[in-house]
Protein backbone atom coordinates (compact mmCIF):
# COMPACT_ATOMS: atom_id res chain seq x y z
CA GLN A 1 14.02 -19.68 38.30
CA VAL A 2 13.67 -18.71 34.63
CA HIS A 3 16.36 -19.25 32.08
CA LEU A 4 16.44 -19.05 28.31
CA VAL A 5 20.00 -19.90 26.91
CA GLU A 6 20.51 -19.46 23.29
CA SER A 7 23.26 -21.23 21.62
CA GLY A 8 24.44 -22.18 18.02
CA GLY A 9 25.71 -18.82 16.92
CA ALA A 10 28.89 -18.92 14.89
CA LEU A 11 30.67 -17.34 12.06
CA VAL A 12 29.50 -19.02 8.73
CA GLN A 13 29.82 -18.45 5.08
CA PRO A 14 27.25 -17.22 2.78
CA GLY A 15 24.98 -19.89 1.79
CA GLY A 16 25.57 -21.65 4.82
CA SER A 17 23.39 -23.14 7.46
CA LEU A 18 23.01 -22.94 11.32
CA ARG A 19 20.48 -24.08 13.71
CA LEU A 20 20.32 -21.87 17.02
CA SER A 21 18.93 -23.43 20.16
CA CYS A 22 16.88 -21.80 22.81
CA ALA A 23 17.11 -24.09 26.03
CA VAL A 24 14.57 -22.90 28.60
CA SER A 25 14.04 -23.72 32.12
CA GLY A 26 11.68 -22.58 34.76
CA PHE A 27 8.60 -22.94 32.65
CA SER A 28 7.04 -25.22 30.30
CA LEU A 29 6.77 -25.01 26.38
CA ASP A 30 3.28 -26.31 26.83
CA ASP A 31 2.36 -22.72 28.45
CA TYR A 32 4.71 -20.57 26.54
CA ALA A 33 5.92 -20.15 22.99
CA ILE A 34 9.14 -18.97 21.75
CA ASP A 35 9.56 -16.17 19.25
CA TRP A 36 12.95 -15.08 17.69
CA PHE A 37 14.54 -11.66 17.15
CA ARG A 38 17.69 -10.28 16.06
CA GLN A 39 19.64 -7.05 16.23
CA ALA A 40 22.15 -6.14 13.65
CA PRO A 41 25.02 -3.53 14.62
CA GLY A 42 23.48 -0.20 14.52
CA LYS A 43 20.13 -1.08 13.86
CA GLU A 44 17.04 -1.52 15.74
CA ARG A 45 15.89 -5.23 17.07
CA GLU A 46 13.61 -6.64 14.32
CA GLY A 47 11.27 -9.96 14.55
CA VAL A 48 12.39 -12.80 12.97
CA PHE A 49 9.41 -15.08 13.72
CA TYR A 50 6.89 -13.46 15.87
CA ILE A 51 3.27 -13.48 17.06
CA VAL A 52 0.69 -11.43 14.93
CA GLY A 53 -2.70 -12.51 15.77
CA ASN A 54 -4.67 -12.94 18.93
CA ASP A 55 -5.35 -16.61 17.77
CA GLY A 56 -1.82 -17.15 18.24
CA SER A 57 -0.79 -17.00 14.38
CA THR A 58 2.54 -16.15 13.89
CA THR A 59 4.99 -14.87 10.91
CA TYR A 60 8.43 -14.86 9.34
CA ALA A 61 9.93 -11.70 8.54
CA ASP A 62 9.88 -11.24 4.74
CA SER A 63 13.68 -11.31 4.73
CA VAL A 64 13.72 -15.03 6.06
CA LYS A 65 10.83 -16.48 4.58
CA GLY A 66 11.64 -19.76 2.91
CA ARG A 67 15.20 -19.94 4.39
CA PHE A 68 14.50 -19.75 8.03
CA THR A 69 12.23 -22.38 9.91
CA VAL A 70 11.32 -22.50 13.88
CA SER A 71 10.65 -25.73 15.59
CA SER A 72 10.58 -27.09 19.23
CA ASP A 73 11.08 -30.29 21.44
CA LYS A 74 8.93 -30.11 24.42
CA THR A 75 10.67 -33.20 25.54
CA LEU A 76 14.11 -31.09 25.93
CA ASN A 77 12.48 -27.86 26.67
CA THR A 78 14.22 -26.37 23.56
CA ALA A 79 13.24 -24.34 20.59
CA TYR A 80 15.20 -24.08 17.46
CA LEU A 81 15.77 -21.71 14.67
CA GLN A 82 17.08 -23.40 11.45
CA MET A 83 18.62 -21.04 9.16
CA ASN A 84 19.65 -21.76 5.53
CA ASN A 85 21.10 -20.17 2.76
CA LEU A 86 22.45 -17.45 5.03
CA LYS A 87 23.33 -13.94 3.82
CA SER A 88 25.66 -11.30 5.08
CA GLU A 89 22.58 -9.30 6.05
CA ASP A 90 21.38 -12.08 8.32
CA THR A 91 24.65 -11.12 10.65
CA ALA A 92 23.07 -10.19 13.96
CA VAL A 93 22.91 -11.13 17.63
CA TYR A 94 19.95 -13.55 17.70
CA TYR A 95 17.50 -13.57 20.66
CA CYS A 96 14.60 -15.70 21.72
CA ALA A 97 11.82 -14.65 23.75
CA ALA A 98 8.82 -16.39 25.40
CA ARG A 99 5.37 -15.39 25.50
CA PRO A 100 2.31 -17.01 27.07
CA ILE A 101 0.34 -19.28 24.50
CA SER A 102 -2.80 -17.83 26.33
CA LEU A 103 -2.60 -14.20 25.82
CA ASP A 104 -4.10 -11.71 28.44
CA TYR A 105 -6.11 -8.58 27.55
CA GLU A 106 -2.91 -6.32 27.63
CA ARG A 107 -1.31 -8.62 25.09
CA GLN A 108 -4.29 -8.93 23.01
CA LEU A 109 -4.70 -5.31 22.80
CA SER A 110 -1.10 -4.50 21.76
CA ILE A 111 -1.55 -6.97 18.91
CA TYR A 112 -4.70 -5.06 17.84
CA LEU A 113 -3.19 -1.77 17.94
CA GLY A 114 0.14 -2.93 16.54
CA SER A 115 2.10 -1.55 19.57
CA GLU A 116 5.19 -3.26 21.32
CA PHE A 117 4.03 -6.79 22.48
CA LYS A 118 5.30 -7.64 25.84
CA TYR A 119 7.44 -10.71 26.26
CA ASP A 120 8.00 -12.42 29.57
CA PHE A 121 11.57 -13.45 29.22
CA TRP A 122 14.47 -13.07 27.00
CA GLY A 123 17.47 -15.07 26.11
CA GLN A 124 20.94 -13.45 26.52
CA GLY A 125 21.49 -13.54 22.53
CA THR A 126 23.90 -15.50 20.41
CA GLN A 127 25.99 -13.91 17.71
CA VAL A 128 25.63 -14.92 13.97
CA THR A 129 28.19 -13.64 11.54
CA VAL A 130 27.80 -14.42 7.88
CA SER A 131 30.95 -13.55 6.29
CA SER A 132 33.38 -15.02 3.47
């Protein structure tokens, strides 16, 4: 059974840091990569760190570049999102999502066309609130 469980969300002051975790089970991080998304109140979900190329290349959203860093520990089956210098506009529910490292034709086509990319599994989300 597949599970993605996010944790680490909290209330933090502007300029502070948080590390979100995404603990996965039911699949291996040797076969799946983890991307990160967020959704602020009243806004659409947006990518924080996500795939942009059929070669597996990824990018950070411009709004978080230089402040957020992803990593993973395959021995713990856990992915991380380190968030530094947090701003009020980073307030959102953060989600991790799993995609196969080896992309099928459908997913390659969605990247080429710029259409919605299909993720296999999603976590339940963790709330990050940046406020003084």
